[in-house]
Amino acid sequence: MKRSIETHDISWRGFVIRIRYEAQWLGSTGPFSTAHLQVDTLVPERAPLPITETGYRSHFANAADIEADGGPVAFVIAWLDHAAQSQDWKDRTEKARQLTLF
């Protein structure tokens, strides 16, 4: 079986992010098909995102849910936007904006 993996590069809040999406991970099909998303920060390389501290995230989800959200790009952007509302992410971005003397 030939695998079909989509690749999308997006810009989100100053980050360049690569999304790889396999709708039928390991050949799964039907209404409960398992999809695989991989999210990598390209610029800055491996920079943390609100969904990953390492700049890389592997995520499995129902393919129908991803498609219902508008596809892998829309799904990941919504996921990032939602996670960016956390106080931890807000604190991290605020700290990165401020210069420190120590």
C-alpha atoms as a PDB file:
ATOM      1  CA  MET A   1       0.000   0.000   0.000  1.00  0.00           C
ATOM      2  CA  LYS A   2       1.327   3.419  -0.977  1.00  0.00           C
ATOM      3  CA  ARG A   3       1.217   6.048   1.753  1.00  0.00           C
ATOM      4  CA  SER A   4      -0.201   9.481   0.998  1.00  0.00           C
ATOM      5  CA  ILE A   5       1.281  12.276   3.099  1.00  0.00           C
ATOM      6  CA  GLU A   6       0.379  15.919   2.519  1.00  0.00           C
ATOM      7  CA  THR A   7       2.933  18.590   3.425  1.00  0.00           C
ATOM      8  CA  HIS A   8       1.980  22.193   4.159  1.00  0.00           C
ATOM      9  CA  ASP A   9       4.246  25.040   5.274  1.00  0.00           C
ATOM     10  CA  ILE A  10       2.438  27.840   7.083  1.00  0.00           C
ATOM     11  CA  SER A  11       3.243  31.056   8.881  1.00  0.00           C
ATOM     12  CA  TRP A  12       1.710  31.500  12.338  1.00  0.00           C
ATOM     13  CA  ARG A  13       2.513  34.487  14.569  1.00  0.00           C
ATOM     14  CA  GLY A  14       6.023  34.835  13.160  1.00  0.00           C
ATOM     15  CA  PHE A  15       6.824  31.116  13.128  1.00  0.00           C
ATOM     16  CA  VAL A  16       7.221  29.044   9.984  1.00  0.00           C
ATOM     17  CA  ILE A  17       5.662  25.655  10.645  1.00  0.00           C
ATOM     18  CA  ARG A  18       5.571  22.471   8.588  1.00  0.00           C
ATOM     19  CA  ILE A  19       2.479  20.287   8.837  1.00  0.00           C
ATOM     20  CA  ARG A  20       2.590  16.723   7.551  1.00  0.00           C
ATOM     21  CA  TYR A  21      -0.738  14.929   7.368  1.00  0.00           C
ATOM     22  CA  GLU A  22      -1.589  11.324   6.597  1.00  0.00           C
ATOM     23  CA  ALA A  23      -5.375  10.909   6.511  1.00  0.00           C
ATOM     24  CA  GLN A  24      -5.260   7.107   6.393  1.00  0.00           C
ATOM     25  CA  TRP A  25      -2.454   6.273   8.779  1.00  0.00           C
ATOM     26  CA  LEU A  26      -1.422   2.649   8.315  1.00  0.00           C
ATOM     27  CA  GLY A  27      -4.191   2.208   5.750  1.00  0.00           C
ATOM     28  CA  SER A  28      -7.072   2.830   8.132  1.00  0.00           C
ATOM     29  CA  THR A  29     -10.361   3.631   6.380  1.00  0.00           C
ATOM     30  CA  GLY A  30     -13.999   4.219   7.195  1.00  0.00           C
ATOM     31  CA  PRO A  31     -15.762   6.574   9.578  1.00  0.00           C
ATOM     32  CA  PHE A  32     -13.187   5.995  12.322  1.00  0.00           C
ATOM     33  CA  SER A  33     -10.059   6.317  10.171  1.00  0.00           C
ATOM     34  CA  THR A  34      -7.010   7.291  12.208  1.00  0.00           C
ATOM     35  CA  ALA A  35      -5.088  10.253  10.829  1.00  0.00           C
ATOM     36  CA  HIS A  36      -1.551  11.284  11.754  1.00  0.00           C
ATOM     37  CA  LEU A  37      -0.402  14.897  12.023  1.00  0.00           C
ATOM     38  CA  GLN A  38       3.200  15.966  12.484  1.00  0.00           C
ATOM     39  CA  VAL A  39       3.930  19.593  13.342  1.00  0.00           C
ATOM     40  CA  ASP A  40       7.508  20.980  13.149  1.00  0.00           C
ATOM     41  CA  THR A  41       8.739  24.505  13.753  1.00  0.00           C
ATOM     42  CA  LEU A  42      11.054  25.372  10.859  1.00  0.00           C
ATOM     43  CA  VAL A  43      11.832  29.029  11.676  1.00  0.00           C
ATOM     44  CA  PRO A  44      13.133  29.491  14.265  1.00  0.00           C
ATOM     45  CA  GLU A  45      14.221  25.862  14.039  1.00  0.00           C
ATOM     46  CA  ARG A  46      12.560  23.671  16.686  1.00  0.00           C
ATOM     47  CA  ALA A  47      11.193  26.709  18.540  1.00  0.00           C
ATOM     48  CA  PRO A  48       8.556  25.912  21.152  1.00  0.00           C
ATOM     49  CA  LEU A  49       4.915  26.377  20.218  1.00  0.00           C
ATOM     50  CA  PRO A  50       1.862  26.402  22.461  1.00  0.00           C
ATOM     51  CA  ILE A  51       1.293  22.727  21.546  1.00  0.00           C
ATOM     52  CA  THR A  52       4.917  21.576  21.984  1.00  0.00           C
ATOM     53  CA  GLU A  53       7.901  22.612  24.072  1.00  0.00           C
ATOM     54  CA  THR A  54      10.329  20.919  21.662  1.00  0.00           C
ATOM     55  CA  GLY A  55       9.156  22.348  18.341  1.00  0.00           C
ATOM     56  CA  TYR A  56       7.856  18.945  17.203  1.00  0.00           C
ATOM     57  CA  ARG A  57       4.506  17.293  17.814  1.00  0.00           C
ATOM     58  CA  SER A  58       3.086  14.008  16.585  1.00  0.00           C
ATOM     59  CA  HIS A  59      -0.674  13.738  16.982  1.00  0.00           C
ATOM     60  CA  PHE A  60      -3.236  11.074  16.087  1.00  0.00           C
ATOM     61  CA  ALA A  61      -6.871  11.993  15.556  1.00  0.00           C
ATOM     62  CA  ASN A  62      -9.995  10.878  13.773  1.00  0.00           C
ATOM     63  CA  ALA A  63      -9.606  11.890  10.107  1.00  0.00           C
ATOM     64  CA  ALA A  64     -13.277  12.911   9.957  1.00  0.00           C
ATOM     65  CA  ASP A  65     -12.711  15.423  12.784  1.00  0.00           C
ATOM     66  CA  ILE A  66      -9.764  16.991  10.962  1.00  0.00           C
ATOM     67  CA  GLU A  67     -11.747  17.224   7.729  1.00  0.00           C
ATOM     68  CA  ALA A  68     -14.756  18.671   9.589  1.00  0.00           C
ATOM     69  CA  ASP A  69     -12.483  21.447  10.886  1.00  0.00           C
ATOM     70  CA  GLY A  70     -11.472  22.362   7.329  1.00  0.00           C
ATOM     71  CA  GLY A  71      -8.497  20.072   6.795  1.00  0.00           C
ATOM     72  CA  PRO A  72      -5.074  19.756   8.420  1.00  0.00           C
ATOM     73  CA  VAL A  73      -4.006  23.400   8.053  1.00  0.00           C
ATOM     74  CA  ALA A  74      -7.207  24.825   9.533  1.00  0.00           C
ATOM     75  CA  PHE A  75      -7.148  22.144  12.261  1.00  0.00           C
ATOM     76  CA  VAL A  76      -3.564  22.976  13.318  1.00  0.00           C
ATOM     77  CA  ILE A  77      -4.134  26.748  13.206  1.00  0.00           C
ATOM     78  CA  ALA A  78      -7.242  26.393  15.394  1.00  0.00           C
ATOM     79  CA  TRP A  79      -5.301  24.111  17.761  1.00  0.00           C
ATOM     80  CA  LEU A  80      -2.429  26.619  17.999  1.00  0.00           C
ATOM     81  CA  ASP A  81      -4.797  29.570  18.488  1.00  0.00           C
ATOM     82  CA  HIS A  82      -6.661  27.739  21.242  1.00  0.00           C
ATOM     83  CA  ALA A  83      -3.488  26.609  23.030  1.00  0.00           C
ATOM     84  CA  ALA A  84      -2.001  30.121  22.748  1.00  0.00           C
ATOM     85  CA  GLN A  85      -4.755  31.360  25.059  1.00  0.00           C
ATOM     86  CA  SER A  86      -3.194  29.484  27.997  1.00  0.00           C
ATOM     87  CA  GLN A  87      -1.562  31.562  30.712  1.00  0.00           C
ATOM     88  CA  ASP A  88       1.641  29.544  30.358  1.00  0.00           C
ATOM     89  CA  TRP A  89       2.000  30.499  26.679  1.00  0.00           C
ATOM     90  CA  LYS A  90       1.127  34.139  27.382  1.00  0.00           C
ATOM     91  CA  ASP A  91       3.770  34.253  30.139  1.00  0.00           C
ATOM     92  CA  ARG A  92       6.350  32.621  27.864  1.00  0.00           C
ATOM     93  CA  THR A  93       5.785  35.055  24.993  1.00  0.00           C
ATOM     94  CA  GLU A  94       5.797  38.063  27.328  1.00  0.00           C
ATOM     95  CA  LYS A  95       9.061  36.927  28.889  1.00  0.00           C
ATOM     96  CA  ALA A  96      10.612  36.478  25.420  1.00  0.00           C
ATOM     97  CA  ARG A  97       9.689  40.085  24.522  1.00  0.00           C
ATOM     98  CA  GLN A  98      11.326  41.576  27.597  1.00  0.00           C
ATOM     99  CA  LEU A  99      15.049  42.078  27.846  1.00  0.00           C
ATOM    100  CA  THR A 100      16.634  40.597  30.925  1.00  0.00           C
ATOM    101  CA  LEU A 101      19.782  41.858  32.646  1.00  0.00           C
ATOM    102  CA  PHE A 102      20.624  38.522  34.269  1.00  0.00           C
END
